[in-house]
Amino acid sequence: MISNTFTKIYKNAKMTLIYVNFLFQLSYVAEDEDGKIVGYVLAKMEEDPEDQVPHGHITSLAVKRSHRRLGLAQKLMDQASRAMVECFDAQYVSLHVRKSNRAALHLYTNTLKFSISEIEPKYYADGEDAYAMRRVLKDFKDKSTKDTSSVKAIKDTPGKKDKSKKDGDTSKEKTDSTNKDTRES
């Protein structure tokens, strides 16, 4: 059951309701060839942005350890970002990451081209600071004006048969785990 899963992840009931509410808006999963979930991105649009600029926010990104370094995180993030641009005209996407999470920081800055916008002191419940990060979505805007088709799922290609799909979508697209351009560093 979804709510039980989220209650285990987010012990705060209010946070659970927020994530369940936004679960299907801009969230995607990656599945292996047996249909087991090996990664996901939970994303949403900010409802009342202080700066009045439409933008999205990544609330959670995870890839199973055995499926890391195959480009899944980048594909999930790119898919969510593309949907933010095409559906909501988002200008940028934001996220928070623990200052101590070096692996995630490397992924966000080097592979996904996020930049640190500020440090938020004591952001996490245990008192750890967070980096607030942003990624400008101009490249996705440029591509979406050239390509007027709907959000595209990852194309069938040779390689590991992982599937990336939007929650609720019954299509079974495969990801290209051999494409050097999308490999995580």
Protein backbone atom coordinates (compact mmCIF):
# COMPACT_ATOMS: atom_id res chain seq x y z
CA MET A 1 0.00 0.00 0.00
CA ILE A 2 1.41 3.39 -1.00
CA SER A 3 0.55 5.25 2.21
CA ASN A 4 2.25 2.57 4.35
CA THR A 5 5.39 2.81 2.22
CA PHE A 6 5.49 6.58 2.52
CA THR A 7 4.73 6.49 6.24
CA LYS A 8 7.82 4.33 6.70
CA ILE A 9 9.92 6.76 4.63
CA TYR A 10 8.37 9.98 5.96
CA LYS A 11 7.37 9.48 9.58
CA ASN A 12 5.63 12.86 9.70
CA ALA A 13 1.95 12.40 8.70
CA LYS A 14 1.75 15.82 7.03
CA MET A 15 4.74 15.01 4.82
CA THR A 16 3.15 11.68 3.92
CA LEU A 17 -0.02 13.43 2.73
CA ILE A 18 1.98 15.97 0.72
CA TYR A 19 3.94 13.26 -1.10
CA VAL A 20 0.91 11.06 -1.73
CA ASN A 21 -0.93 14.12 -3.09
CA PHE A 22 1.85 14.88 -5.58
CA LEU A 23 2.80 11.26 -6.27
CA PHE A 24 1.40 11.05 -9.78
CA GLN A 25 1.95 14.62 -10.94
CA LEU A 26 5.55 14.41 -12.15
CA SER A 27 6.87 11.17 -10.71
CA TYR A 28 8.49 8.34 -12.63
CA VAL A 29 9.82 4.88 -11.88
CA ALA A 30 12.43 2.67 -13.52
CA GLU A 31 11.72 -1.05 -13.61
CA ASP A 32 13.91 -4.03 -14.35
CA GLU A 33 12.88 -6.65 -16.92
CA ASP A 34 10.83 -8.47 -14.27
CA GLY A 35 8.79 -5.36 -13.50
CA LYS A 36 10.47 -4.69 -10.15
CA ILE A 37 11.05 -1.04 -9.32
CA VAL A 38 14.77 -0.23 -9.29
CA GLY A 39 14.56 3.56 -9.17
CA TYR A 40 12.19 6.47 -8.88
CA VAL A 41 11.94 10.24 -8.88
CA LEU A 42 9.23 12.09 -6.95
CA ALA A 43 8.76 15.59 -8.28
CA LYS A 44 6.19 18.35 -8.08
CA MET A 45 5.56 21.90 -9.15
CA GLU A 46 5.86 24.58 -6.49
CA GLU A 47 2.35 25.92 -5.99
CA ASP A 48 3.11 29.46 -4.82
CA PRO A 49 6.71 30.21 -5.70
CA GLU A 50 8.03 33.22 -3.82
CA ASP A 51 9.82 34.48 -6.92
CA GLN A 52 6.65 34.06 -9.08
CA VAL A 53 8.65 31.97 -11.56
CA PRO A 54 7.10 28.59 -12.32
CA HIS A 55 9.48 25.88 -11.19
CA GLY A 56 9.52 22.30 -10.10
CA HIS A 57 11.02 20.61 -7.08
CA ILE A 58 12.53 17.15 -6.71
CA THR A 59 11.41 15.69 -3.40
CA SER A 60 13.15 12.34 -3.73
CA LEU A 61 15.40 10.46 -6.15
CA ALA A 62 16.61 6.92 -5.59
CA VAL A 63 18.18 4.14 -7.64
CA LYS A 64 18.76 0.66 -6.25
CA ARG A 65 22.45 0.14 -5.55
CA SER A 66 22.69 -2.75 -8.04
CA HIS A 67 21.37 -0.49 -10.83
CA ARG A 68 23.50 2.60 -10.22
CA ARG A 69 25.97 3.99 -12.76
CA LEU A 70 23.72 2.93 -15.64
CA GLY A 71 22.28 6.38 -16.32
CA LEU A 72 18.93 5.72 -14.65
CA ALA A 73 19.09 8.71 -12.28
CA GLN A 74 19.81 11.04 -15.18
CA LYS A 75 17.02 9.57 -17.29
CA LEU A 76 14.52 9.82 -14.44
CA MET A 77 15.53 13.41 -13.67
CA ASP A 78 15.50 14.42 -17.34
CA GLN A 79 12.08 12.87 -17.85
CA ALA A 80 10.62 14.72 -14.85
CA SER A 81 12.31 17.98 -15.94
CA ARG A 82 11.02 17.66 -19.49
CA ALA A 83 7.48 17.13 -18.19
CA MET A 84 7.81 20.21 -15.95
CA VAL A 85 8.71 22.31 -18.99
CA GLU A 86 6.17 20.86 -21.41
CA CYS A 87 3.23 20.72 -19.01
CA PHE A 88 3.88 23.67 -16.69
CA ASP A 89 6.43 25.90 -18.48
CA ALA A 90 8.87 25.49 -15.58
CA GLN A 91 11.97 27.69 -15.70
CA TYR A 92 14.07 25.66 -13.29
CA VAL A 93 13.96 22.71 -10.93
CA SER A 94 15.18 22.75 -7.33
CA LEU A 95 16.14 20.16 -4.74
CA HIS A 96 17.83 19.82 -1.36
CA VAL A 97 20.72 17.53 -0.53
CA ARG A 98 22.54 16.88 2.73
CA LYS A 99 25.92 18.58 2.88
CA SER A 100 27.42 15.23 3.93
CA ASN A 101 26.02 13.30 0.93
CA ARG A 102 29.05 13.47 -1.34
CA ALA A 103 27.80 10.89 -3.85
CA ALA A 104 24.51 12.73 -4.41
CA LEU A 105 26.29 16.08 -4.56
CA HIS A 106 28.62 14.72 -7.25
CA LEU A 107 25.66 13.36 -9.24
CA TYR A 108 23.73 16.62 -9.02
CA THR A 109 26.61 18.98 -9.82
CA ASN A 110 28.69 17.01 -12.32
CA THR A 111 26.19 14.79 -14.12
CA LEU A 112 22.90 16.67 -13.80
CA LYS A 113 24.35 20.22 -13.91
CA PHE A 114 22.67 21.56 -10.77
CA SER A 115 24.32 24.45 -8.98
CA ILE A 116 24.22 25.34 -5.30
CA SER A 117 21.96 28.34 -4.74
CA GLU A 118 22.29 28.56 -0.95
CA ILE A 119 22.96 26.65 2.24
CA GLU A 120 19.94 26.05 4.45
CA PRO A 121 21.09 25.67 8.06
CA LYS A 122 19.59 22.81 10.08
CA TYR A 123 17.27 21.83 7.22
CA TYR A 124 17.04 18.18 8.25
CA ALA A 125 15.41 16.88 11.44
CA ASP A 126 18.78 15.77 12.82
CA GLY A 127 20.10 19.34 12.46
CA GLU A 128 22.27 18.78 9.38
CA ASP A 129 22.52 21.61 6.86
CA ALA A 130 21.32 21.21 3.28
CA TYR A 131 22.50 22.60 0.00
CA ALA A 132 19.59 24.13 -1.89
CA MET A 133 20.33 23.44 -5.55
CA ARG A 134 18.87 24.53 -8.89
CA ARG A 135 19.03 23.41 -12.48
CA VAL A 136 17.93 25.84 -15.18
CA LEU A 137 15.64 24.11 -17.67
CA LYS A 138 16.50 26.24 -20.71
CA ASP A 139 17.84 23.22 -22.65
CA PHE A 140 14.55 21.41 -22.13
CA LYS A 141 12.62 24.53 -23.18
CA ASP A 142 14.64 24.77 -26.40
CA LYS A 143 14.07 21.09 -27.15
CA SER A 144 10.35 21.28 -26.36
CA THR A 145 9.82 24.14 -28.82
CA LYS A 146 11.55 22.12 -31.55
CA ASP A 147 9.75 18.88 -30.65
CA THR A 148 6.04 19.41 -30.19
CA SER A 149 5.27 15.79 -29.34
CA SER A 150 4.23 14.85 -25.82
CA VAL A 151 6.72 13.79 -23.18
CA LYS A 152 8.67 10.92 -24.68
CA ALA A 153 9.52 7.85 -22.72
CA ILE A 154 12.97 6.37 -23.11
CA LYS A 155 13.37 4.63 -26.51
CA ASP A 156 13.94 0.91 -27.06
CA THR A 157 17.65 0.30 -27.48
CA PRO A 158 20.07 -2.55 -26.96
CA GLY A 159 21.61 -2.96 -23.54
CA LYS A 160 20.30 -3.79 -20.10
CA LYS A 161 16.55 -4.16 -20.30
CA ASP A 162 15.45 -1.64 -17.69
CA LYS A 163 12.15 0.13 -18.20
CA SER A 164 11.46 3.73 -17.30
CA LYS A 165 7.84 4.78 -17.16
CA LYS A 166 5.55 7.36 -15.68
CA ASP A 167 3.55 6.15 -12.68
CA GLY A 168 0.22 4.91 -13.90
CA ASP A 169 1.52 4.43 -17.47
CA THR A 170 1.13 0.89 -18.70
CA SER A 171 3.70 1.16 -21.48
CA LYS A 172 6.92 -0.82 -21.07
CA GLU A 173 9.76 1.28 -22.47
CA LYS A 174 13.36 0.21 -22.03
CA THR A 175 16.25 2.43 -21.01
CA ASP A 176 19.58 2.52 -22.78
CA SER A 177 22.13 1.57 -20.17
CA THR A 178 24.97 1.63 -22.68
CA ASN A 179 24.65 5.21 -23.89
CA LYS A 180 27.78 7.06 -22.77
CA ASP A 181 26.05 10.44 -22.98
CA THR A 182 23.67 9.48 -20.18
CA ARG A 183 26.00 7.50 -17.94
CA GLU A 184 26.29 8.78 -14.40
CA SER A 185 29.80 9.79 -13.43
